[in-house]
Protein backbone atom coordinates (compact mmCIF):
# COMPACT_ATOMS: atom_id res chain seq x y z
CA MET A 1 -86.60 39.84 -29.61
CA ALA A 2 -84.39 40.37 -32.57
CA ALA A 3 -81.06 38.68 -32.60
CA GLN A 4 -78.19 40.90 -31.53
CA GLU A 5 -75.88 41.98 -34.30
CA GLY A 6 -73.12 39.46 -34.91
CA LYS A 7 -74.81 36.68 -32.91
CA PRO A 8 -76.78 33.74 -34.39
CA ASP A 9 -80.51 33.55 -33.94
CA VAL A 10 -81.14 30.56 -31.67
CA THR A 11 -84.87 31.08 -31.30
CA GLY A 12 -85.86 29.58 -34.61
CA PRO A 13 -85.87 25.93 -35.75
CA GLN A 14 -82.53 24.22 -35.25
CA PRO A 15 -80.97 21.54 -37.48
CA PRO A 16 -81.06 18.04 -35.99
CA ARG A 17 -78.10 17.07 -33.91
CA PRO A 18 -75.78 14.52 -35.47
CA LYS A 19 -76.51 10.97 -34.43
CA ARG A 20 -74.33 9.84 -31.57
CA GLY A 21 -71.77 7.27 -32.66
CA LEU A 22 -71.41 3.86 -31.13
CA ARG A 23 -69.68 3.65 -27.79
CA THR A 24 -66.34 1.97 -27.36
CA TRP A 25 -67.76 -1.34 -26.09
CA SER A 26 -70.83 -1.56 -28.33
CA SER A 27 -69.54 -4.79 -29.88
CA LEU A 28 -70.46 -6.55 -26.66
CA GLY A 29 -74.10 -5.49 -26.94
CA GLN A 30 -76.19 -3.41 -24.56
CA LEU A 31 -74.40 -4.31 -21.34
CA GLY A 32 -75.37 -1.20 -19.42
CA ARG A 33 -71.99 -1.36 -17.69
CA ILE A 34 -68.28 -1.26 -18.38
CA PRO A 35 -67.24 -4.75 -19.54
CA SER A 36 -64.89 -6.78 -17.38
CA GLU A 37 -61.24 -7.26 -18.23
CA TYR A 38 -62.09 -10.84 -19.17
CA GLU A 39 -64.70 -9.70 -21.70
CA ILE A 40 -62.48 -6.96 -23.13
CA VAL A 41 -59.59 -9.29 -23.93
CA THR A 42 -61.72 -12.28 -24.98
CA HIS A 43 -64.68 -10.97 -26.96
CA ASN A 44 -64.97 -11.71 -30.68
CA LEU A 45 -61.31 -12.52 -31.30
CA ASN A 46 -61.96 -15.45 -33.65
CA TYR A 47 -61.15 -14.10 -37.09
CA THR A 48 -62.71 -17.05 -38.90
CA THR A 49 -66.16 -16.13 -37.51
CA ARG A 50 -66.08 -12.45 -38.54
CA PRO A 51 -69.44 -11.03 -39.71
CA ASN A 52 -70.44 -10.83 -43.38
CA ARG A 53 -67.82 -13.36 -44.40
CA THR A 54 -68.20 -15.68 -47.36
CA SER A 55 -65.81 -18.24 -45.89
CA ALA A 56 -63.73 -18.80 -42.76
CA LEU A 57 -60.50 -17.68 -44.41
CA GLU A 58 -59.91 -15.01 -47.07
CA SER A 59 -59.40 -17.42 -49.92
CA ASN A 60 -61.57 -19.32 -52.36
CA PRO A 61 -64.53 -20.70 -50.35
CA THR A 62 -63.93 -24.13 -51.87
CA THR A 63 -60.32 -24.49 -50.67
CA PRO A 64 -59.75 -27.48 -48.37
CA ALA A 65 -59.28 -25.29 -45.28
CA ASN A 66 -62.51 -23.37 -45.86
CA MET A 67 -64.44 -26.53 -46.63
CA TRP A 68 -63.10 -28.03 -43.39
CA PHE A 69 -64.44 -25.13 -41.30
CA LEU A 70 -67.71 -25.21 -43.22
CA THR A 71 -68.20 -28.94 -42.70
CA TYR A 72 -66.97 -29.48 -39.16
CA ARG A 73 -67.87 -26.16 -37.52
CA ASP A 74 -70.39 -24.05 -39.41
CA LYS A 75 -72.58 -27.02 -40.32
CA SER A 76 -72.08 -28.95 -37.08
CA PRO A 77 -75.26 -30.47 -35.65
CA LEU A 78 -74.49 -28.45 -32.49
CA GLN A 79 -75.76 -24.94 -33.18
CA ALA A 80 -76.58 -21.80 -31.18
CA ASP A 81 -78.05 -18.42 -32.02
CA ASP A 82 -74.96 -16.74 -30.58
CA TRP A 83 -72.01 -18.70 -29.21
CA ARG A 84 -70.44 -15.43 -28.09
CA GLY A 85 -72.83 -15.37 -25.16
CA PHE A 86 -70.96 -18.19 -23.45
CA ARG A 87 -68.72 -17.26 -20.52
CA ASP A 88 -65.96 -19.21 -18.80
CA PRO A 89 -67.02 -19.60 -15.13
CA ASP A 90 -63.43 -18.86 -14.07
CA GLN A 91 -63.07 -15.94 -16.51
CA ILE A 92 -59.49 -16.91 -17.32
CA THR A 93 -57.39 -14.40 -19.24
CA TYR A 94 -53.82 -14.86 -20.42
CA ARG A 95 -52.49 -12.68 -17.61
CA LYS A 96 -54.52 -14.55 -15.01
CA TYR A 97 -53.55 -17.93 -16.44
CA VAL A 98 -49.82 -17.22 -16.52
CA THR A 99 -49.86 -15.87 -12.96
CA MET A 100 -51.88 -18.81 -11.67
CA GLN A 101 -49.78 -21.48 -13.34
CA ASP A 102 -46.54 -19.81 -12.31
CA GLU A 103 -47.70 -20.15 -8.70
CA GLN A 104 -48.65 -23.78 -9.33
CA GLU A 105 -45.25 -24.56 -10.81
CA THR A 106 -43.49 -22.86 -7.91
CA ALA A 107 -45.39 -25.13 -5.53
CA VAL A 108 -44.48 -28.19 -7.63
CA GLU A 109 -40.79 -27.27 -7.67
CA ARG A 110 -40.73 -26.89 -3.89
CA VAL A 111 -42.36 -30.28 -3.40
CA LEU A 112 -39.97 -31.96 -5.82
CA ASP A 113 -36.93 -30.38 -4.16
CA GLU A 114 -38.09 -31.27 -0.65
CA TYR A 115 -38.85 -34.91 -1.38
CA GLY A 116 -35.85 -35.29 -3.70
CA SER A 117 -33.39 -34.25 -1.01
CA ALA A 118 -35.03 -36.68 1.41
CA GLY A 119 -34.44 -39.66 -0.91
CA HIS A 120 -38.16 -40.31 -1.17
CA ASP A 121 -38.18 -42.31 -4.43
CA ALA A 122 -35.51 -44.76 -3.31
CA SER A 123 -37.69 -45.79 -0.35
CA LEU A 124 -40.75 -46.75 -2.41
CA PRO A 125 -41.90 -50.40 -2.21
CA GLN A 126 -41.14 -52.45 -5.31
CA ARG A 127 -44.80 -53.31 -5.85
CA TRP A 128 -45.69 -49.63 -5.97
CA VAL A 129 -42.81 -48.81 -8.31
CA GLU A 130 -44.17 -51.42 -10.71
CA CYS A 131 -47.60 -49.80 -10.47
CA LEU A 132 -46.11 -46.40 -11.29
CA ALA A 133 -44.36 -47.96 -14.28
CA THR A 134 -47.67 -49.11 -15.75
CA LEU A 135 -50.10 -46.42 -14.57
CA PHE A 136 -48.23 -43.16 -14.06
CA THR A 137 -45.15 -42.78 -16.23
CA PRO A 138 -46.90 -44.01 -19.45
CA THR A 139 -49.56 -41.30 -19.11
CA ARG A 140 -47.54 -38.82 -21.14
CA PHE A 141 -48.82 -40.68 -24.23
CA PRO A 142 -52.59 -40.45 -23.58
CA VAL A 143 -52.28 -36.94 -22.15
CA HIS A 144 -50.43 -35.82 -25.27
CA ALA A 145 -53.32 -37.18 -27.35
CA LEU A 146 -55.74 -35.16 -25.21
CA GLN A 147 -53.54 -32.11 -25.64
CA MET A 148 -53.67 -32.40 -29.44
CA CYS A 149 -57.45 -32.79 -29.42
CA THR A 150 -57.87 -29.85 -27.05
CA ALA A 151 -55.72 -27.66 -29.30
CA TYR A 152 -57.86 -28.75 -32.26
CA LEU A 153 -61.00 -27.81 -30.32
CA GLY A 154 -59.51 -24.36 -29.70
CA GLN A 155 -58.90 -23.95 -33.43
CA MET A 156 -62.38 -25.07 -34.47
CA ALA A 157 -64.57 -23.55 -31.73
CA PRO A 158 -67.21 -21.10 -33.03
CA ALA A 159 -66.41 -18.30 -30.56
CA SER A 160 -63.30 -16.96 -28.88
CA TYR A 161 -64.86 -17.45 -25.44
CA ILE A 162 -64.79 -21.20 -26.15
CA SER A 163 -61.47 -21.15 -28.00
CA ASN A 164 -59.69 -19.54 -25.05
CA CYS A 165 -60.95 -22.20 -22.64
CA ALA A 166 -59.60 -24.91 -24.93
CA VAL A 167 -56.27 -23.18 -25.53
CA PHE A 168 -55.65 -22.75 -21.81
CA GLY A 169 -56.72 -26.39 -21.39
CA ALA A 170 -54.07 -27.43 -23.91
CA GLY A 171 -51.55 -25.53 -21.79
CA ASP A 172 -52.69 -27.47 -18.73
CA LEU A 173 -52.14 -30.76 -20.53
CA LEU A 174 -48.69 -29.70 -21.75
CA ARG A 175 -47.80 -28.93 -18.12
CA ARG A 176 -49.03 -32.39 -17.16
CA VAL A 177 -46.97 -34.11 -19.86
CA SER A 178 -43.88 -32.17 -18.80
CA LEU A 179 -44.34 -33.08 -15.14
CA VAL A 180 -44.82 -36.78 -15.92
CA ALA A 181 -41.71 -36.74 -18.12
CA TYR A 182 -39.69 -35.07 -15.34
CA ARG A 183 -40.91 -37.58 -12.76
CA THR A 184 -40.13 -40.44 -15.12
CA ARG A 185 -36.48 -39.40 -15.19
CA GLN A 186 -36.39 -38.97 -11.41
CA LEU A 187 -37.92 -42.37 -10.78
CA ALA A 188 -35.61 -44.04 -13.29
CA ASP A 189 -32.55 -42.60 -11.54
CA ALA A 190 -33.75 -43.45 -8.03
CA THR A 191 -35.26 -46.92 -8.46
CA GLY A 192 -33.11 -48.68 -11.04
CA SER A 193 -36.32 -50.15 -12.48
CA SER A 194 -37.64 -50.36 -16.03
CA ILE A 195 -39.14 -46.90 -15.68
CA GLY A 196 -38.00 -44.63 -18.46
CA SER A 197 -37.50 -47.35 -21.06
CA THR A 198 -40.77 -49.30 -21.27
CA GLU A 199 -43.52 -46.67 -21.31
CA ARG A 200 -44.12 -46.82 -25.06
CA VAL A 201 -44.34 -50.61 -24.96
CA VAL A 202 -46.82 -50.38 -22.08
CA TRP A 203 -48.92 -47.84 -24.01
CA GLU A 204 -48.90 -49.83 -27.25
CA ARG A 205 -48.90 -53.44 -26.03
CA ASN A 206 -50.26 -53.73 -22.49
CA GLY A 207 -53.77 -55.14 -22.83
CA ALA A 208 -55.16 -53.04 -19.99
CA TRP A 209 -54.23 -49.84 -21.81
CA GLN A 210 -55.63 -50.78 -25.22
CA PRO A 211 -59.28 -49.72 -24.71
CA ALA A 212 -58.10 -46.27 -23.60
CA ARG A 213 -55.64 -46.08 -26.47
CA GLU A 214 -58.33 -47.06 -28.98
CA ALA A 215 -60.71 -44.46 -27.57
CA LEU A 216 -58.12 -41.68 -27.79
CA GLU A 217 -57.00 -42.62 -31.29
CA ASN A 218 -60.63 -42.49 -32.38
CA LEU A 219 -60.97 -39.14 -30.65
CA LEU A 220 -58.24 -37.81 -32.95
CA THR A 221 -60.67 -38.40 -35.83
CA ALA A 222 -63.69 -36.69 -34.19
CA TYR A 223 -63.45 -33.75 -36.55
CA ASP A 224 -66.79 -32.09 -35.81
CA TRP A 225 -66.03 -29.52 -33.11
CA GLY A 226 -69.19 -30.40 -31.18
CA GLU A 227 -68.48 -34.10 -31.18
CA CYS A 228 -64.84 -33.47 -30.24
CA PHE A 229 -65.98 -31.39 -27.26
CA THR A 230 -68.61 -33.90 -26.20
CA ALA A 231 -66.46 -37.00 -26.58
CA MET A 232 -63.44 -35.50 -24.85
CA ASN A 233 -64.75 -33.08 -22.23
CA LEU A 234 -68.03 -34.73 -21.28
CA VAL A 235 -67.18 -38.43 -21.66
CA LEU A 236 -63.52 -39.44 -21.90
CA ARG A 237 -61.75 -36.86 -19.74
CA PRO A 238 -64.06 -37.19 -16.71
CA THR A 239 -63.52 -40.95 -16.89
CA LEU A 240 -59.76 -40.98 -17.46
CA ASP A 241 -59.00 -38.13 -15.05
CA GLN A 242 -60.83 -39.95 -12.30
CA VAL A 243 -58.61 -43.00 -12.87
CA LEU A 244 -55.27 -41.41 -13.72
CA ILE A 245 -55.42 -38.48 -11.30
CA ARG A 246 -57.82 -39.06 -8.42
CA GLN A 247 -57.78 -42.85 -8.01
CA LEU A 248 -54.05 -43.02 -8.65
CA ALA A 249 -53.53 -40.27 -6.06
CA ASN A 250 -55.55 -42.24 -3.52
CA ALA A 251 -53.49 -45.35 -4.23
CA ALA A 252 -50.28 -43.33 -3.86
CA ARG A 253 -51.33 -42.07 -0.46
CA ASP A 254 -52.25 -45.62 0.62
CA ASN A 255 -48.77 -46.77 -0.41
CA ASP A 256 -46.84 -44.01 1.41
CA ASP A 257 -45.99 -42.18 -1.81
CA ASP A 258 -46.83 -38.69 -0.61
CA LEU A 259 -44.89 -37.07 -3.45
CA THR A 260 -47.07 -38.60 -6.19
CA TRP A 261 -50.16 -37.87 -4.12
CA LEU A 262 -49.24 -34.18 -3.83
CA LEU A 263 -48.30 -33.82 -7.51
CA LEU A 264 -51.51 -35.42 -8.71
CA GLY A 265 -53.46 -33.22 -6.33
CA ASN A 266 -51.84 -30.22 -7.99
CA LEU A 267 -52.83 -31.48 -11.45
CA ALA A 268 -56.39 -32.10 -10.22
CA ALA A 269 -56.93 -28.33 -10.03
CA ASP A 270 -56.45 -28.11 -13.81
CA ALA A 271 -58.88 -30.99 -14.36
CA ASP A 272 -61.47 -29.33 -12.12
CA ARG A 273 -61.24 -26.12 -14.13
CA CYS A 274 -61.82 -28.09 -17.33
CA THR A 275 -64.89 -29.69 -15.78
CA ARG A 276 -66.33 -26.32 -14.81
CA TRP A 277 -66.15 -24.72 -18.25
CA SER A 278 -67.22 -27.92 -20.01
CA LEU A 279 -70.30 -28.15 -17.80
CA ALA A 280 -71.07 -24.48 -18.40
CA LEU A 281 -70.76 -24.86 -22.18
CA ALA A 282 -73.04 -27.91 -22.28
CA ARG A 283 -75.66 -26.04 -20.29
CA TYR A 284 -75.33 -22.97 -22.49
CA ALA A 285 -75.79 -25.04 -25.65
CA ILE A 286 -79.02 -26.51 -24.28
CA GLU A 287 -80.26 -23.08 -23.16
CA GLN A 288 -79.63 -21.71 -26.64
CA ARG A 289 -81.46 -24.53 -28.40
CA ALA A 290 -83.43 -27.28 -26.71
CA GLY A 291 -82.64 -29.60 -29.63
CA ASN A 292 -78.97 -29.54 -28.67
CA ARG A 293 -79.80 -31.86 -25.79
CA ASP A 294 -80.59 -34.68 -28.22
CA VAL A 295 -77.51 -33.86 -30.32
CA LEU A 296 -75.25 -34.11 -27.28
CA ARG A 297 -76.94 -37.27 -26.06
CA ARG A 298 -76.37 -39.02 -29.39
CA TRP A 299 -72.65 -38.30 -29.18
CA ILE A 300 -72.57 -39.31 -25.52
CA ALA A 301 -74.20 -42.62 -26.38
CA ARG A 302 -71.58 -43.19 -29.09
CA TRP A 303 -68.59 -42.52 -26.82
CA THR A 304 -69.75 -43.87 -23.45
CA PRO A 305 -69.01 -47.56 -24.26
CA ARG A 306 -65.44 -46.56 -25.16
CA ALA A 307 -65.05 -44.69 -21.88
CA GLU A 308 -66.46 -47.63 -19.92
CA ALA A 309 -64.08 -50.03 -21.64
CA ALA A 310 -61.14 -47.71 -20.87
CA ALA A 311 -62.10 -47.56 -17.19
CA ALA A 312 -62.50 -51.34 -17.00
CA GLY A 313 -59.09 -51.90 -18.58
CA LEU A 314 -57.12 -49.36 -16.55
CA SER A 315 -58.70 -50.44 -13.29
CA GLN A 316 -56.98 -53.84 -13.69
CA LEU A 317 -53.60 -52.13 -13.39
CA PHE A 318 -54.41 -51.26 -9.76
CA ASP A 319 -54.26 -54.94 -8.82
CA GLY A 320 -52.62 -55.32 -5.43
CA VAL A 321 -52.73 -51.61 -4.52
CA ARG A 322 -56.43 -50.74 -4.81
CA SER A 323 -59.68 -52.49 -5.64
CA ALA A 324 -60.20 -52.61 -9.39
CA GLU A 325 -63.96 -52.54 -8.88
CA THR A 326 -63.68 -49.39 -6.75
CA VAL A 327 -61.60 -47.65 -9.42
CA GLU A 328 -63.93 -48.61 -12.27
CA ASN A 329 -67.06 -47.60 -10.40
CA ALA A 330 -65.54 -44.26 -9.38
CA ALA A 331 -64.59 -43.50 -12.99
CA ASN A 332 -68.04 -44.24 -14.35
CA SER A 333 -69.71 -42.36 -11.49
CA ALA A 334 -67.60 -39.25 -12.15
CA ARG A 335 -68.73 -39.20 -15.78
CA GLN A 336 -72.36 -39.81 -14.90
CA ARG A 337 -72.27 -37.11 -12.26
CA LEU A 338 -71.02 -34.50 -14.75
CA LEU A 339 -73.64 -35.50 -17.32
CA SER A 340 -76.36 -35.31 -14.70
CA GLU A 341 -75.29 -31.81 -13.68
CA ALA A 342 -75.35 -30.80 -17.35
CA GLY A 343 -78.89 -32.12 -17.75
CA LEU A 344 -77.72 -34.90 -20.07
CA ALA A 345 -78.11 -38.01 -17.93
CA GLY A 346 -80.31 -40.85 -19.08
């Protein structure tokens, strides 16, 4: 039938339709679904890993900053086909993190106000106050070292999914430093002890602290992002957190210091979240490349003696309030348990 006058002939061959453009979320791959809020606000945000780049930063590839990224991230022994496939088990976003930690801080403030008005600190036994002065109030120094290393890990990580975990972890550690500093002032006012004036001396001179101090100062020079992650998140933090959070909390409860017990229990939630994403990242690295298991194990072997020495030293500070052997064994068991769950034991 002839085409009607003024109307196009649609019976003959038609030109090919234009190719459909990429969908909004195509950067995340073929998901087959709408991405989650976590994926939308986290995916591929690391500018220094942009595709088709000649260097991490838009400057001469041989500048010190670009050579640093090239040496300690791009050429790290820990490699994966695509680090962007990693996911935080808790799927933390900035909005979720701020809301969660605001609730945590509200709980902390209520506990501090309740026990402060009851004159809790003034009733503490002298032996326990001395323990706090050597084990609790000095921890703002080692935790600050961990905070710096965690921030460095966030800067050097090869994908924004990893960077965000580290950045939020640095926020957790800043919260911990702030709480310890606040409690130091409270205890100094209430007990009339040396608390508040001797922490730096304890950190730098007390023999029981020196293995932990040496380990953390060496950690500050673990420039390779993979070694930094392994040494800190898989070896040192599981060991130190078991001593300085969980074992110290148990000792506080045994010595009728419910305030310290509750505060450390609050901080334990942050440590548990760190353990979850660290375990997930170790597993992901091994899934990506089987050879990463040997890479991680070499770093673990390098840092484990330092963690063991730190646990042995700090456990001596529990003398009179808790068995040093119990503390040391618990610290080493916590580390070994995490490594076993990651498939890195032995």
